[in-house]
């Protein structure tokens, strides 16, 4: 019976007095820095162009901005239509839209300033 149990459950190796067993954690975390991974740079984006460093190409840039209509823009247009019959006003104003910032060098999306 002892031989069968040793086959199923082998004994731990005996350690000498000066040896220690080191256990490795299966969830070890290794931080690897990739040259292609974007770096975490705090961005302060506003409604207009912003000077910053692109996290993708690491260039010192002034962002290009594209304005995008949102649900808030459409609701404002509906309210303007009810009040003064000028529903096109929010679509003509950039201040009623969100500002999407892009890198002019590599055309990567950097972030959005939401109104």
Protein backbone atom coordinates (compact mmCIF):
# COMPACT_ATOMS: atom_id res chain seq x y z
CA UNK A 1 0.00 0.00 0.00
CA UNK A 2 2.82 2.41 0.66
CA UNK A 3 4.31 1.80 -2.77
CA UNK A 4 1.00 2.62 -4.45
CA UNK A 5 0.62 5.82 -2.48
CA UNK A 6 4.20 6.85 -3.37
CA UNK A 7 3.42 6.36 -7.06
CA UNK A 8 0.33 8.53 -6.83
CA UNK A 9 1.72 11.13 -4.45
CA UNK A 10 5.50 11.37 -4.73
CA UNK A 11 7.35 12.63 -1.66
CA UNK A 12 8.78 16.11 -1.58
CA UNK A 13 12.54 16.20 -2.11
CA UNK A 14 14.53 16.45 1.08
CA UNK A 15 16.39 19.73 1.45
CA UNK A 16 19.75 20.14 3.05
CA UNK A 17 19.89 22.39 6.12
CA UNK A 18 21.40 25.32 4.19
CA UNK A 19 19.02 25.10 1.21
CA UNK A 20 15.67 26.84 0.99
CA UNK A 21 12.84 26.12 -1.37
CA UNK A 22 11.77 29.19 -3.32
CA UNK A 23 8.20 29.20 -4.54
CA UNK A 24 7.35 31.09 -7.70
CA UNK A 25 4.03 32.87 -7.84
CA UNK A 26 2.00 31.87 -10.91
CA UNK A 27 0.69 35.42 -11.18
CA UNK A 28 3.97 37.28 -11.45
CA UNK A 29 3.64 40.64 -13.17
CA UNK A 30 6.32 41.74 -15.58
CA UNK A 31 6.29 45.27 -16.94
CA UNK A 32 7.59 45.39 -20.48
CA UNK A 33 8.10 48.69 -22.18
CA UNK A 34 7.25 48.49 -25.84
CA UNK A 35 8.34 51.26 -28.20
CA UNK A 36 4.96 50.99 -29.94
CA UNK A 37 2.79 51.29 -26.82
CA UNK A 38 1.41 54.78 -26.15
CA UNK A 39 2.88 56.48 -23.11
CA UNK A 40 0.62 57.79 -20.39
CA UNK A 41 0.82 61.57 -20.66
CA UNK A 42 -1.84 63.65 -18.96
CA UNK A 43 -3.68 65.58 -21.64
CA UNK A 44 -5.51 68.82 -21.05
CA UNK A 45 -7.79 69.05 -24.05
CA UNK A 46 -10.02 72.05 -24.58
CA UNK A 47 -12.50 73.18 -27.20
CA UNK A 48 -9.71 74.61 -29.41
CA UNK A 49 -6.34 73.33 -30.66
CA UNK A 50 -4.02 72.28 -27.84
CA UNK A 51 -0.22 72.05 -27.76
CA UNK A 52 0.83 68.67 -26.37
CA UNK A 53 3.00 65.60 -27.00
CA UNK A 54 1.39 62.87 -29.09
CA UNK A 55 1.31 59.63 -27.05
CA UNK A 56 1.67 57.57 -30.24
CA UNK A 57 4.49 59.24 -32.24
CA UNK A 58 6.03 61.29 -29.34
CA UNK A 59 6.03 64.47 -31.43
CA UNK A 60 5.48 67.90 -29.93
CA UNK A 61 2.29 68.91 -31.77
CA UNK A 62 -0.63 71.29 -31.91
CA UNK A 63 -3.69 69.06 -32.21
CA UNK A 64 -6.07 69.27 -35.14
CA UNK A 65 -9.70 69.49 -34.07
CA UNK A 66 -12.78 68.07 -35.76
CA UNK A 67 -16.15 69.07 -34.35
CA UNK A 68 -18.85 66.43 -33.97
CA UNK A 69 -22.57 66.87 -33.34
CA UNK A 70 -23.96 64.96 -30.38
CA UNK A 71 -27.35 64.25 -28.87
CA UNK A 72 -27.06 67.47 -26.92
CA UNK A 73 -26.64 69.38 -30.21
CA UNK A 74 -29.79 67.78 -31.64
CA UNK A 75 -31.83 68.53 -28.49
CA UNK A 76 -30.66 72.15 -28.56
CA UNK A 77 -31.70 72.36 -32.22
CA UNK A 78 -35.15 70.99 -31.36
CA UNK A 79 -35.56 73.56 -28.58
CA UNK A 80 -34.47 76.38 -30.91
CA UNK A 81 -37.02 75.19 -33.45
CA UNK A 82 -39.80 75.36 -30.86
CA UNK A 83 -38.75 78.77 -29.51
CA UNK A 84 -37.66 80.79 -32.52
CA UNK A 85 -37.94 78.54 -35.61
CA UNK A 86 -34.13 78.62 -36.13
CA UNK A 87 -33.15 74.99 -35.73
CA UNK A 88 -29.91 75.34 -37.72
CA UNK A 89 -28.17 77.59 -35.16
CA UNK A 90 -26.57 74.77 -33.04
CA UNK A 91 -25.27 73.06 -36.19
CA UNK A 92 -23.52 76.26 -37.32
CA UNK A 93 -21.80 76.87 -33.97
CA UNK A 94 -18.73 74.85 -32.98
CA UNK A 95 -19.40 75.68 -29.33
CA UNK A 96 -22.46 73.38 -29.39
CA UNK A 97 -20.45 70.36 -30.56
CA UNK A 98 -17.81 68.05 -29.06
CA UNK A 99 -14.18 68.61 -30.07
CA UNK A 100 -12.27 65.51 -31.25
CA UNK A 101 -8.48 66.01 -31.11
CA UNK A 102 -6.15 64.27 -33.59
CA UNK A 103 -2.38 64.27 -34.13
CA UNK A 104 -1.50 66.07 -37.38
CA UNK A 105 1.70 64.00 -37.75
CA UNK A 106 0.36 60.44 -37.44
CA UNK A 107 -3.43 61.14 -37.62
CA UNK A 108 -4.06 59.22 -34.39
CA UNK A 109 -7.08 59.98 -32.23
CA UNK A 110 -5.92 61.64 -28.99
CA UNK A 111 -9.12 62.47 -27.14
CA UNK A 112 -12.41 64.35 -26.97
CA UNK A 113 -13.41 67.52 -25.20
CA UNK A 114 -17.08 67.04 -24.32
CA UNK A 115 -19.36 69.97 -23.81
